C-alpha atoms as a PDB file:
ATOM      1  CA  UNK A   1     -46.081 222.454 100.410  1.00  0.00           C
ATOM      2  CA  UNK A   2     -43.494 224.219  98.503  1.00  0.00           C
ATOM      3  CA  UNK A   3     -42.640 228.224  99.772  1.00  0.00           C
ATOM      4  CA  UNK A   4     -40.182 228.918  97.407  1.00  0.00           C
ATOM      5  CA  UNK A   5     -40.913 230.864  94.292  1.00  0.00           C
ATOM      6  CA  UNK A   6     -39.827 229.897  91.122  1.00  0.00           C
ATOM      7  CA  UNK A   7     -37.901 232.782  88.863  1.00  0.00           C
ATOM      8  CA  UNK A   8     -41.003 233.099  86.464  1.00  0.00           C
ATOM      9  CA  UNK A   9     -43.219 233.616  89.362  1.00  0.00           C
ATOM     10  CA  UNK A  10     -40.703 236.450  90.584  1.00  0.00           C
ATOM     11  CA  UNK A  11     -40.750 237.897  87.329  1.00  0.00           C
ATOM     12  CA  UNK A  12     -44.409 238.228  86.845  1.00  0.00           C
ATOM     13  CA  UNK A  13     -44.837 239.843  90.343  1.00  0.00           C
ATOM     14  CA  UNK A  14     -41.820 242.227  90.003  1.00  0.00           C
ATOM     15  CA  UNK A  15     -43.781 242.976  86.365  1.00  0.00           C
ATOM     16  CA  UNK A  16     -46.873 243.086  87.634  1.00  0.00           C
ATOM     17  CA  UNK A  17     -45.336 245.773  90.211  1.00  0.00           C
ATOM     18  CA  UNK A  18     -43.451 247.879  88.313  1.00  0.00           C
ATOM     19  CA  UNK A  19     -46.580 248.255  85.534  1.00  0.00           C
ATOM     20  CA  UNK A  20     -48.798 249.425  88.502  1.00  0.00           C
ATOM     21  CA  UNK A  21     -46.190 251.627  89.651  1.00  0.00           C
ATOM     22  CA  UNK A  22     -45.811 253.218  86.369  1.00  0.00           C
ATOM     23  CA  UNK A  23     -49.210 253.718  86.341  1.00  0.00           C
ATOM     24  CA  UNK A  24     -49.576 255.422  89.565  1.00  0.00           C
ATOM     25  CA  UNK A  25     -47.228 257.556  88.823  1.00  0.00           C
ATOM     26  CA  UNK A  26     -48.181 258.515  85.930  1.00  0.00           C
ATOM     27  CA  UNK A  27     -51.854 259.454  87.322  1.00  0.00           C
ATOM     28  CA  UNK A  28     -50.181 261.633  89.960  1.00  0.00           C
ATOM     29  CA  UNK A  29     -49.013 264.374  87.426  1.00  0.00           C
ATOM     30  CA  UNK A  30     -52.407 263.949  85.511  1.00  0.00           C
ATOM     31  CA  UNK A  31     -54.529 264.508  88.507  1.00  0.00           C
ATOM     32  CA  UNK A  32     -51.847 267.435  89.762  1.00  0.00           C
ATOM     33  CA  UNK A  33     -52.086 268.953  86.128  1.00  0.00           C
ATOM     34  CA  UNK A  34     -55.893 268.410  86.029  1.00  0.00           C
ATOM     35  CA  UNK A  35     -56.018 269.731  89.823  1.00  0.00           C
ATOM     36  CA  UNK A  36     -53.787 273.332  88.969  1.00  0.00           C
ATOM     37  CA  UNK A  37     -54.941 273.436  85.600  1.00  0.00           C
ATOM     38  CA  UNK A  38     -58.670 273.430  86.301  1.00  0.00           C
ATOM     39  CA  UNK A  39     -58.386 276.746  88.848  1.00  0.00           C
ATOM     40  CA  UNK A  40     -55.402 278.486  86.639  1.00  0.00           C
ATOM     41  CA  UNK A  41     -56.104 281.449  85.167  1.00  0.00           C
ATOM     42  CA  UNK A  42     -53.703 283.422  82.721  1.00  0.00           C
ATOM     43  CA  UNK A  43     -52.280 286.140  83.775  1.00  0.00           C
ATOM     44  CA  UNK A  44     -49.002 288.561  82.316  1.00  0.00           C
ATOM     45  CA  UNK A  45     -46.181 287.243  82.995  1.00  0.00           C
ATOM     46  CA  UNK A  46     -44.707 290.087  84.996  1.00  0.00           C
ATOM     47  CA  UNK A  47     -43.801 289.034  88.134  1.00  0.00           C
ATOM     48  CA  UNK A  48     -42.042 285.359  89.662  1.00  0.00           C
ATOM     49  CA  UNK A  49     -45.378 284.078  90.769  1.00  0.00           C
ATOM     50  CA  UNK A  50     -47.033 284.004  88.051  1.00  0.00           C
ATOM     51  CA  UNK A  51     -44.122 282.266  85.642  1.00  0.00           C
ATOM     52  CA  UNK A  52     -44.223 279.531  89.050  1.00  0.00           C
ATOM     53  CA  UNK A  53     -47.816 277.784  87.459  1.00  0.00           C
ATOM     54  CA  UNK A  54     -47.708 277.903  83.798  1.00  0.00           C
ATOM     55  CA  UNK A  55     -43.881 275.879  84.304  1.00  0.00           C
ATOM     56  CA  UNK A  56     -45.433 273.841  86.780  1.00  0.00           C
ATOM     57  CA  UNK A  57     -47.558 272.864  84.207  1.00  0.00           C
ATOM     58  CA  UNK A  58     -45.245 271.865  81.555  1.00  0.00           C
ATOM     59  CA  UNK A  59     -43.084 269.965  83.767  1.00  0.00           C
ATOM     60  CA  UNK A  60     -46.231 268.546  84.680  1.00  0.00           C
ATOM     61  CA  UNK A  61     -46.808 267.696  81.199  1.00  0.00           C
ATOM     62  CA  UNK A  62     -43.279 266.332  80.693  1.00  0.00           C
ATOM     63  CA  UNK A  63     -43.743 264.054  83.329  1.00  0.00           C
ATOM     64  CA  UNK A  64     -46.591 262.423  82.381  1.00  0.00           C
ATOM     65  CA  UNK A  65     -45.151 261.984  78.401  1.00  0.00           C
ATOM     66  CA  UNK A  66     -41.778 260.695  80.167  1.00  0.00           C
ATOM     67  CA  UNK A  67     -43.905 258.385  82.005  1.00  0.00           C
ATOM     68  CA  UNK A  68     -45.866 257.141  78.851  1.00  0.00           C
ATOM     69  CA  UNK A  69     -42.243 257.077  76.698  1.00  0.00           C
ATOM     70  CA  UNK A  70     -41.191 254.606  79.429  1.00  0.00           C
ATOM     71  CA  UNK A  71     -44.251 252.413  79.517  1.00  0.00           C
ATOM     72  CA  UNK A  72     -44.220 252.004  75.796  1.00  0.00           C
ATOM     73  CA  UNK A  73     -39.721 251.144  76.073  1.00  0.00           C
ATOM     74  CA  UNK A  74     -40.437 248.772  79.247  1.00  0.00           C
ATOM     75  CA  UNK A  75     -43.037 247.011  77.154  1.00  0.00           C
ATOM     76  CA  UNK A  76     -40.869 246.830  74.212  1.00  0.00           C
ATOM     77  CA  UNK A  77     -38.582 245.589  75.915  1.00  0.00           C
ATOM     78  CA  UNK A  78     -40.346 242.835  77.708  1.00  0.00           C
ATOM     79  CA  UNK A  79     -41.555 241.402  74.269  1.00  0.00           C
ATOM     80  CA  UNK A  80     -37.575 241.676  73.002  1.00  0.00           C
ATOM     81  CA  UNK A  81     -36.372 239.728  76.797  1.00  0.00           C
ATOM     82  CA  UNK A  82     -39.766 237.030  75.507  1.00  0.00           C
ATOM     83  CA  UNK A  83     -38.011 236.459  72.237  1.00  0.00           C
ATOM     84  CA  UNK A  84     -34.826 236.278  73.575  1.00  0.00           C
ATOM     85  CA  UNK A  85     -35.682 233.434  75.968  1.00  0.00           C
ATOM     86  CA  UNK A  86     -37.893 231.513  73.576  1.00  0.00           C
ATOM     87  CA  UNK A  87     -34.732 231.481  71.190  1.00  0.00           C
ATOM     88  CA  UNK A  88     -32.690 230.295  74.031  1.00  0.00           C
ATOM     89  CA  UNK A  89     -34.869 227.741  75.138  1.00  0.00           C
ATOM     90  CA  UNK A  90     -35.169 226.685  71.295  1.00  0.00           C
ATOM     91  CA  UNK A  91     -31.381 226.025  71.060  1.00  0.00           C
ATOM     92  CA  UNK A  92     -31.329 223.980  74.388  1.00  0.00           C
ATOM     93  CA  UNK A  93     -33.893 221.580  72.254  1.00  0.00           C
ATOM     94  CA  UNK A  94     -31.753 221.389  68.646  1.00  0.00           C
ATOM     95  CA  UNK A  95     -28.908 220.873  71.556  1.00  0.00           C
ATOM     96  CA  UNK A  96     -30.360 218.161  72.936  1.00  0.00           C
ATOM     97  CA  UNK A  97     -31.320 216.919  69.773  1.00  0.00           C
ATOM     98  CA  UNK A  98     -27.354 217.115  68.778  1.00  0.00           C
ATOM     99  CA  UNK A  99     -26.787 215.233  71.927  1.00  0.00           C
ATOM    100  CA  UNK A 100     -28.446 212.432  70.933  1.00  0.00           C
ATOM    101  CA  UNK A 101     -25.992 211.993  67.669  1.00  0.00           C
ATOM    102  CA  UNK A 102     -28.510 210.606  64.765  1.00  0.00           C
ATOM    103  CA  UNK A 103     -27.909 211.469  61.633  1.00  0.00           C
ATOM    104  CA  UNK A 104     -31.697 213.151  61.038  1.00  0.00           C
ATOM    105  CA  UNK A 105     -34.087 214.263  63.107  1.00  0.00           C
ATOM    106  CA  UNK A 106     -37.679 214.805  63.399  1.00  0.00           C
ATOM    107  CA  UNK A 107     -39.312 218.247  63.818  1.00  0.00           C
ATOM    108  CA  UNK A 108     -42.697 218.708  65.816  1.00  0.00           C
ATOM    109  CA  UNK A 109     -43.551 219.873  62.208  1.00  0.00           C
ATOM    110  CA  UNK A 110     -42.868 216.144  60.877  1.00  0.00           C
ATOM    111  CA  UNK A 111     -40.128 217.627  58.591  1.00  0.00           C
ATOM    112  CA  UNK A 112     -36.581 215.560  58.412  1.00  0.00           C
ATOM    113  CA  UNK A 113     -33.400 217.227  58.874  1.00  0.00           C
ATOM    114  CA  UNK A 114     -29.923 216.829  58.671  1.00  0.00           C
ATOM    115  CA  UNK A 115     -27.265 217.302  61.509  1.00  0.00           C
ATOM    116  CA  UNK A 116     -26.025 219.983  59.185  1.00  0.00           C
ATOM    117  CA  UNK A 117     -29.550 222.216  58.714  1.00  0.00           C
ATOM    118  CA  UNK A 118     -30.215 221.590  63.010  1.00  0.00           C
ATOM    119  CA  UNK A 119     -26.920 223.204  63.684  1.00  0.00           C
ATOM    120  CA  UNK A 120     -27.456 225.868  61.331  1.00  0.00           C
ATOM    121  CA  UNK A 121     -31.287 226.186  62.435  1.00  0.00           C
ATOM    122  CA  UNK A 122     -29.241 226.650  66.314  1.00  0.00           C
ATOM    123  CA  UNK A 123     -27.036 229.074  65.026  1.00  0.00           C
ATOM    124  CA  UNK A 124     -29.431 231.390  63.557  1.00  0.00           C
ATOM    125  CA  UNK A 125     -31.741 231.162  67.269  1.00  0.00           C
ATOM    126  CA  UNK A 126     -28.634 231.526  69.104  1.00  0.00           C
ATOM    127  CA  UNK A 127     -27.698 234.689  66.687  1.00  0.00           C
ATOM    128  CA  UNK A 128     -31.575 236.232  67.011  1.00  0.00           C
ATOM    129  CA  UNK A 129     -30.896 235.754  70.641  1.00  0.00           C
ATOM    130  CA  UNK A 130     -28.020 237.559  71.096  1.00  0.00           C
ATOM    131  CA  UNK A 131     -29.654 240.440  68.752  1.00  0.00           C
ATOM    132  CA  UNK A 132     -33.101 240.538  70.978  1.00  0.00           C
ATOM    133  CA  UNK A 133     -30.363 240.639  74.055  1.00  0.00           C
ATOM    134  CA  UNK A 134     -28.686 243.524  72.786  1.00  0.00           C
ATOM    135  CA  UNK A 135     -31.843 245.344  71.959  1.00  0.00           C
ATOM    136  CA  UNK A 136     -33.733 245.024  75.256  1.00  0.00           C
ATOM    137  CA  UNK A 137     -30.434 246.427  77.002  1.00  0.00           C
ATOM    138  CA  UNK A 138     -30.802 249.377  75.143  1.00  0.00           C
ATOM    139  CA  UNK A 139     -34.315 249.538  75.675  1.00  0.00           C
ATOM    140  CA  UNK A 140     -33.802 248.699  79.060  1.00  0.00           C
ATOM    141  CA  UNK A 141     -31.143 251.796  79.766  1.00  0.00           C
ATOM    142  CA  UNK A 142     -33.683 254.316  77.633  1.00  0.00           C
ATOM    143  CA  UNK A 143     -35.972 253.427  79.840  1.00  0.00           C
ATOM    144  CA  UNK A 144     -34.729 253.493  83.221  1.00  0.00           C
ATOM    145  CA  UNK A 145     -33.013 257.416  81.653  1.00  0.00           C
ATOM    146  CA  UNK A 146     -36.933 257.766  80.928  1.00  0.00           C
ATOM    147  CA  UNK A 147     -38.024 256.806  84.622  1.00  0.00           C
ATOM    148  CA  UNK A 148     -35.170 259.194  86.133  1.00  0.00           C
ATOM    149  CA  UNK A 149     -36.824 262.309  84.086  1.00  0.00           C
ATOM    150  CA  UNK A 150     -39.526 261.408  84.605  1.00  0.00           C
ATOM    151  CA  UNK A 151     -39.796 261.668  88.480  1.00  0.00           C
ATOM    152  CA  UNK A 152     -37.464 264.503  88.360  1.00  0.00           C
ATOM    153  CA  UNK A 153     -39.474 266.580  86.585  1.00  0.00           C
ATOM    154  CA  UNK A 154     -43.201 265.558  88.916  1.00  0.00           C
ATOM    155  CA  UNK A 155     -40.842 266.554  91.686  1.00  0.00           C
ATOM    156  CA  UNK A 156     -39.714 269.900  89.992  1.00  0.00           C
ATOM    157  CA  UNK A 157     -43.830 270.356  88.944  1.00  0.00           C
ATOM    158  CA  UNK A 158     -44.961 269.810  92.158  1.00  0.00           C
ATOM    159  CA  UNK A 159     -42.451 271.986  94.294  1.00  0.00           C
ATOM    160  CA  UNK A 160     -43.310 274.682  91.851  1.00  0.00           C
ATOM    161  CA  UNK A 161     -47.160 274.737  92.936  1.00  0.00           C
ATOM    162  CA  UNK A 162     -46.163 274.235  96.279  1.00  0.00           C
ATOM    163  CA  UNK A 163     -44.065 277.440  96.303  1.00  0.00           C
ATOM    164  CA  UNK A 164     -46.614 279.133  94.514  1.00  0.00           C
ATOM    165  CA  UNK A 165     -49.093 278.449  97.062  1.00  0.00           C
ATOM    166  CA  UNK A 166     -47.016 279.438  99.630  1.00  0.00           C
ATOM    167  CA  UNK A 167     -45.621 282.535  98.533  1.00  0.00           C
ATOM    168  CA  UNK A 168     -49.485 283.197  96.413  1.00  0.00           C
ATOM    169  CA  UNK A 169     -50.695 285.121  99.771  1.00  0.00           C
ATOM    170  CA  UNK A 170     -47.468 287.672  99.933  1.00  0.00           C
ATOM    171  CA  UNK A 171     -48.562 288.700  96.066  1.00  0.00           C
END
């Protein structure tokens, strides 16, 4: 039995674990917000202690929003990557057809294409693939930035809640 995983299997496992992690982190931000929000009572913001919780709630909200935006952009990037892979596969199939050195070609739909039409189709698919790859790279960079932003907001919100709970007896 083959114990090695294919690249597709590895991609699916990695993608699944990333999605679970994203939802988990968003859940943590939401749970912390709900936990603090259920017992929060507004006060005049006349001391440092009373500013901590509202600011922590704001940071948790930003963390949750950043996480949701990251999920959306990551899903969009995955679709772009899928389109780029599809167009690459089409280019390979067309190249295989062109290697046969025939003057006309039958498509799976039953249409007959000339060599020039097939070369133009390959160039178009290659251009689409490159556009998808470029957009994928931009989305990937944006998603990474949002992930860092989400984590920083979550950590800061947690630290403010912790500081508030530690400082509360001394107020």
